[in-house]
N, C-alpha and C. Protein backbone atom coordinates (compact mmCIF):
# COMPACT_ATOMS: atom_id res chain seq x y z
N MET A 1 0.84 -1.18 0.00
CA MET A 1 0.00 0.00 0.00
C MET A 1 0.89 1.24 0.00
N THR A 2 0.63 2.14 -0.91
CA THR A 2 1.41 3.37 -0.98
C THR A 2 0.52 4.57 -0.70
N ALA A 3 1.08 5.51 0.00
CA ALA A 3 0.34 6.74 0.32
C ALA A 3 0.42 7.68 -0.88
N ALA A 4 -0.65 8.37 -1.12
CA ALA A 4 -0.67 9.34 -2.22
C ALA A 4 0.03 10.62 -1.79
N LEU A 5 0.82 11.16 -2.70
CA LEU A 5 1.50 12.42 -2.42
C LEU A 5 0.52 13.58 -2.51
N LYS A 6 0.67 14.52 -1.63
CA LYS A 6 -0.15 15.72 -1.67
C LYS A 6 0.57 16.77 -2.51
N ARG A 7 -0.16 17.49 -3.29
CA ARG A 7 0.41 18.58 -4.07
C ARG A 7 0.63 19.79 -3.16
N ALA A 8 1.65 20.56 -3.49
CA ALA A 8 1.93 21.77 -2.71
C ALA A 8 0.76 22.74 -2.81
N LYS A 9 0.41 23.31 -1.71
CA LYS A 9 -0.68 24.28 -1.66
C LYS A 9 -0.13 25.68 -1.92
N PRO A 10 -0.96 26.55 -2.47
CA PRO A 10 -0.53 27.95 -2.58
C PRO A 10 -0.76 28.62 -1.22
N TYR A 11 0.30 28.89 -0.51
CA TYR A 11 0.17 29.47 0.84
C TYR A 11 0.04 30.99 0.82
N ILE A 12 0.49 31.60 -0.26
CA ILE A 12 0.51 33.06 -0.35
C ILE A 12 -0.30 33.49 -1.57
N GLU A 13 -1.05 34.57 -1.40
CA GLU A 13 -1.75 35.17 -2.53
C GLU A 13 -1.44 36.66 -2.57
N GLN A 14 -1.48 37.20 -3.76
CA GLN A 14 -1.24 38.62 -3.93
C GLN A 14 -2.59 39.28 -4.17
N ARG A 15 -2.92 40.26 -3.32
CA ARG A 15 -4.17 41.00 -3.48
C ARG A 15 -4.03 42.38 -2.84
N ASP A 16 -4.80 43.31 -3.34
CA ASP A 16 -4.80 44.68 -2.81
C ASP A 16 -3.39 45.27 -2.72
N GLY A 17 -2.54 44.92 -3.67
CA GLY A 17 -1.19 45.48 -3.69
C GLY A 17 -0.25 44.88 -2.68
N GLY A 18 -0.64 43.81 -2.01
CA GLY A 18 0.22 43.20 -1.00
C GLY A 18 0.21 41.69 -1.09
N TYR A 19 0.92 41.07 -0.18
CA TYR A 19 1.00 39.61 -0.10
C TYR A 19 0.31 39.17 1.18
N TRP A 20 -0.52 38.17 1.06
CA TRP A 20 -1.35 37.69 2.17
C TRP A 20 -1.26 36.18 2.28
N ILE A 21 -1.47 35.68 3.49
CA ILE A 21 -1.59 34.24 3.68
C ILE A 21 -2.91 33.85 3.00
N GLU A 22 -2.86 32.82 2.20
CA GLU A 22 -3.99 32.38 1.39
C GLU A 22 -5.28 32.26 2.21
N GLY A 23 -6.30 33.01 1.80
CA GLY A 23 -7.63 32.87 2.37
C GLY A 23 -7.90 33.54 3.70
N ILE A 24 -6.90 34.21 4.27
CA ILE A 24 -7.14 34.89 5.55
C ILE A 24 -6.57 36.31 5.49
N ARG A 25 -6.80 37.07 6.55
CA ARG A 25 -6.44 38.48 6.56
C ARG A 25 -5.13 38.75 7.29
N ILE A 26 -4.22 37.82 7.24
CA ILE A 26 -2.90 38.01 7.84
C ILE A 26 -1.90 38.20 6.70
N THR A 27 -1.10 39.26 6.80
CA THR A 27 -0.15 39.56 5.73
C THR A 27 1.10 38.69 5.83
N LEU A 28 1.71 38.51 4.68
CA LEU A 28 3.01 37.85 4.65
C LEU A 28 4.01 38.68 5.46
N ASP A 29 3.87 39.99 5.41
CA ASP A 29 4.76 40.89 6.17
C ASP A 29 4.83 40.47 7.63
N SER A 30 3.68 40.20 8.23
CA SER A 30 3.61 39.85 9.65
C SER A 30 4.45 38.62 9.96
N VAL A 31 4.33 37.61 9.12
CA VAL A 31 5.08 36.37 9.33
C VAL A 31 6.57 36.61 9.09
N VAL A 32 6.89 37.31 8.01
CA VAL A 32 8.29 37.53 7.66
C VAL A 32 9.01 38.36 8.73
N TYR A 33 8.38 39.44 9.19
CA TYR A 33 9.03 40.25 10.23
C TYR A 33 9.24 39.42 11.51
N ALA A 34 8.28 38.61 11.87
CA ALA A 34 8.44 37.75 13.05
C ALA A 34 9.60 36.78 12.84
N PHE A 35 9.65 36.17 11.67
CA PHE A 35 10.73 35.25 11.32
C PHE A 35 12.09 35.95 11.36
N LEU A 36 12.17 37.14 10.78
CA LEU A 36 13.43 37.89 10.75
C LEU A 36 13.84 38.37 12.15
N ASN A 37 12.86 38.50 13.04
CA ASN A 37 13.17 38.88 14.44
C ASN A 37 13.55 37.67 15.28
N GLY A 38 13.67 36.51 14.66
CA GLY A 38 14.16 35.33 15.35
C GLY A 38 13.09 34.44 15.97
N GLU A 39 11.83 34.74 15.70
CA GLU A 39 10.77 33.89 16.25
C GLU A 39 10.73 32.55 15.51
N SER A 40 10.46 31.51 16.24
CA SER A 40 10.32 30.19 15.63
C SER A 40 8.94 30.09 14.98
N PRO A 41 8.78 29.18 14.03
CA PRO A 41 7.45 28.98 13.44
C PRO A 41 6.39 28.66 14.49
N GLU A 42 6.76 27.89 15.51
CA GLU A 42 5.81 27.56 16.57
C GLU A 42 5.38 28.81 17.34
N SER A 43 6.33 29.69 17.60
CA SER A 43 6.03 30.94 18.28
C SER A 43 5.14 31.84 17.42
N ILE A 44 5.39 31.84 16.13
CA ILE A 44 4.56 32.65 15.23
C ILE A 44 3.12 32.15 15.25
N THR A 45 2.92 30.84 15.29
CA THR A 45 1.54 30.31 15.34
C THR A 45 0.87 30.67 16.67
N GLN A 46 1.64 30.78 17.73
CA GLN A 46 1.06 31.21 19.00
C GLN A 46 0.63 32.67 18.95
N ASN A 47 1.40 33.50 18.25
CA ASN A 47 1.08 34.92 18.13
C ASN A 47 -0.02 35.19 17.11
N PHE A 48 -0.20 34.28 16.18
CA PHE A 48 -1.24 34.40 15.15
C PHE A 48 -2.06 33.11 15.15
N PRO A 49 -3.01 32.97 16.08
CA PRO A 49 -3.74 31.72 16.24
C PRO A 49 -4.51 31.26 15.00
N LEU A 50 -4.80 32.15 14.07
CA LEU A 50 -5.49 31.74 12.85
C LEU A 50 -4.58 30.94 11.91
N LEU A 51 -3.27 31.03 12.12
CA LEU A 51 -2.32 30.34 11.26
C LEU A 51 -2.00 28.95 11.78
N SER A 52 -1.95 28.02 10.85
CA SER A 52 -1.46 26.68 11.21
C SER A 52 0.05 26.67 11.05
N LEU A 53 0.68 25.70 11.64
CA LEU A 53 2.12 25.57 11.51
C LEU A 53 2.49 25.36 10.03
N GLU A 54 1.68 24.62 9.33
CA GLU A 54 1.91 24.40 7.90
C GLU A 54 1.89 25.72 7.12
N GLN A 55 0.93 26.60 7.44
CA GLN A 55 0.85 27.90 6.77
C GLN A 55 2.07 28.77 7.07
N VAL A 56 2.55 28.72 8.30
CA VAL A 56 3.72 29.51 8.67
C VAL A 56 4.95 29.00 7.90
N TYR A 57 5.14 27.70 7.88
CA TYR A 57 6.26 27.15 7.11
C TYR A 57 6.11 27.46 5.62
N GLY A 58 4.88 27.42 5.12
CA GLY A 58 4.64 27.77 3.72
C GLY A 58 5.00 29.22 3.43
N ALA A 59 4.63 30.11 4.33
CA ALA A 59 4.94 31.53 4.17
C ALA A 59 6.45 31.77 4.22
N ILE A 60 7.12 31.12 5.16
CA ILE A 60 8.57 31.28 5.28
C ILE A 60 9.27 30.72 4.04
N THR A 61 8.79 29.59 3.55
CA THR A 61 9.36 29.00 2.34
C THR A 61 9.17 29.93 1.15
N PHE A 62 7.99 30.51 1.03
CA PHE A 62 7.72 31.47 -0.04
C PHE A 62 8.68 32.65 0.06
N TYR A 63 8.85 33.17 1.26
CA TYR A 63 9.77 34.29 1.47
C TYR A 63 11.18 33.92 1.05
N LEU A 64 11.67 32.79 1.53
CA LEU A 64 13.04 32.39 1.23
C LEU A 64 13.25 32.14 -0.26
N ALA A 65 12.23 31.62 -0.93
CA ALA A 65 12.33 31.37 -2.38
C ALA A 65 12.26 32.66 -3.19
N ASN A 66 11.69 33.70 -2.60
CA ASN A 66 11.50 34.98 -3.30
C ASN A 66 12.10 36.14 -2.50
N ARG A 67 13.17 35.87 -1.83
CA ARG A 67 13.71 36.81 -0.85
C ARG A 67 14.00 38.20 -1.44
N GLU A 68 14.62 38.27 -2.59
CA GLU A 68 14.97 39.56 -3.18
C GLU A 68 13.70 40.38 -3.46
N LEU A 69 12.71 39.74 -4.05
CA LEU A 69 11.45 40.41 -4.37
C LEU A 69 10.73 40.88 -3.10
N ILE A 70 10.62 40.01 -2.11
CA ILE A 70 9.88 40.34 -0.89
C ILE A 70 10.65 41.36 -0.05
N ASP A 71 11.97 41.28 -0.01
CA ASP A 71 12.74 42.30 0.71
C ASP A 71 12.52 43.68 0.09
N ALA A 72 12.47 43.76 -1.24
CA ALA A 72 12.21 45.03 -1.91
C ALA A 72 10.80 45.52 -1.59
N TYR A 73 9.84 44.60 -1.59
CA TYR A 73 8.45 44.93 -1.24
C TYR A 73 8.36 45.46 0.19
N LEU A 74 9.04 44.82 1.13
CA LEU A 74 9.02 45.26 2.52
C LEU A 74 9.69 46.63 2.67
N LYS A 75 10.79 46.83 1.97
CA LYS A 75 11.48 48.12 2.03
C LYS A 75 10.59 49.24 1.50
N GLU A 76 9.84 48.96 0.44
CA GLU A 76 8.91 49.95 -0.11
C GLU A 76 7.81 50.26 0.90
N GLY A 77 7.31 49.24 1.59
CA GLY A 77 6.31 49.45 2.63
C GLY A 77 6.84 50.29 3.78
N GLU A 78 8.09 50.08 4.14
CA GLU A 78 8.72 50.88 5.20
C GLU A 78 8.84 52.34 4.78
N LYS A 79 9.20 52.57 3.51
CA LYS A 79 9.29 53.95 3.00
C LYS A 79 7.93 54.62 3.06
N GLU A 80 6.88 53.90 2.67
CA GLU A 80 5.53 54.45 2.70
C GLU A 80 5.11 54.77 4.14
N PHE A 81 5.46 53.90 5.07
CA PHE A 81 5.16 54.14 6.48
C PHE A 81 5.88 55.39 6.97
N GLU A 82 7.14 55.55 6.58
CA GLU A 82 7.91 56.74 6.97
C GLU A 82 7.23 58.01 6.44
N LYS A 83 6.72 57.96 5.21
CA LYS A 83 6.03 59.13 4.63
C LYS A 83 4.77 59.45 5.43
N LEU A 84 4.01 58.44 5.79
CA LEU A 84 2.81 58.65 6.58
C LEU A 84 3.14 59.22 7.95
N GLN A 85 4.20 58.71 8.54
CA GLN A 85 4.64 59.19 9.85
C GLN A 85 5.05 60.66 9.77
N GLN A 86 5.80 61.00 8.72
CA GLN A 86 6.23 62.39 8.53
C GLN A 86 5.03 63.30 8.32
N SER A 87 4.07 62.83 7.55
CA SER A 87 2.86 63.62 7.29
C SER A 87 2.10 63.89 8.59
N LEU A 88 1.94 62.88 9.42
CA LEU A 88 1.27 63.06 10.71
C LEU A 88 2.06 64.03 11.60
N ARG A 89 3.37 63.85 11.61
CA ARG A 89 4.23 64.71 12.42
C ARG A 89 4.03 66.19 12.03
N GLU A 90 3.91 66.44 10.72
CA GLU A 90 3.75 67.81 10.24
C GLU A 90 2.34 68.35 10.45
N LYS A 91 1.33 67.51 10.21
CA LYS A 91 -0.06 67.95 10.28
C LYS A 91 -0.59 68.06 11.71
N ASN A 92 -0.13 67.16 12.58
CA ASN A 92 -0.66 67.14 13.94
C ASN A 92 0.45 66.73 14.91
N PRO A 93 1.35 67.66 15.22
CA PRO A 93 2.48 67.31 16.08
C PRO A 93 2.08 66.82 17.48
N LEU A 94 0.98 67.36 18.02
CA LEU A 94 0.54 66.92 19.35
C LEU A 94 0.10 65.46 19.33
N MET A 95 -0.69 65.10 18.32
CA MET A 95 -1.14 63.71 18.18
C MET A 95 0.06 62.79 17.97
N TYR A 96 0.99 63.20 17.14
CA TYR A 96 2.19 62.40 16.89
C TYR A 96 2.96 62.16 18.18
N GLN A 97 3.12 63.19 18.97
CA GLN A 97 3.86 63.05 20.24
C GLN A 97 3.14 62.10 21.19
N LYS A 98 1.81 62.19 21.24
CA LYS A 98 1.04 61.28 22.10
C LYS A 98 1.23 59.82 21.66
N LEU A 99 1.21 59.60 20.36
CA LEU A 99 1.40 58.24 19.83
C LEU A 99 2.81 57.72 20.14
N LYS A 100 3.81 58.56 19.97
CA LYS A 100 5.18 58.16 20.27
C LYS A 100 5.35 57.84 21.76
N THR A 101 4.75 58.65 22.62
CA THR A 101 4.82 58.42 24.07
C THR A 101 4.15 57.09 24.43
N ALA A 102 2.99 56.83 23.84
CA ALA A 102 2.29 55.56 24.09
C ALA A 102 3.12 54.38 23.61
N GLN A 103 3.76 54.54 22.46
CA GLN A 103 4.59 53.48 21.92
C GLN A 103 5.78 53.18 22.85
N ILE A 104 6.40 54.21 23.36
CA ILE A 104 7.54 54.04 24.28
C ILE A 104 7.09 53.36 25.56
N GLN A 105 5.94 53.77 26.08
CA GLN A 105 5.41 53.15 27.30
C GLN A 105 5.09 51.67 27.08
N LYS A 106 4.52 51.37 25.93
CA LYS A 106 4.19 49.97 25.61
C LYS A 106 5.44 49.12 25.56
N HIS A 107 6.50 49.61 24.91
CA HIS A 107 7.74 48.86 24.79
C HIS A 107 8.46 48.71 26.13
N SER A 108 8.31 49.70 27.00
CA SER A 108 8.98 49.61 28.30
C SER A 108 8.29 48.60 29.21
N GLN A 109 7.02 48.31 28.97
CA GLN A 109 6.28 47.33 29.76
C GLN A 109 6.59 45.91 29.34
N VAL A 110 7.06 45.73 28.14
CA VAL A 110 7.35 44.39 27.62
C VAL A 110 8.63 43.91 28.11
């Protein structure tokens, strides 16, 4: 008796200008940043309970197979975030300062 081989699943889909875990609302960015910060796949599944271990490994495999493309995509996202941050800083400095203070407090509690 032989077991049938399973075909590889598409773990990542491209939609709305970004990369997402197939069929759910978790971005590839979230998994990749966790992975790059040294989190294990098991730890990532604990932080994102909607993800199975298989999906996390699939996302990491996709990233590693497409590292140059995804690194460029992430860098572009970081630039866009910087622009938004600068815009908020200029338009509403008080709100920006409150957000930065809250962020510092949150990180100091961890």
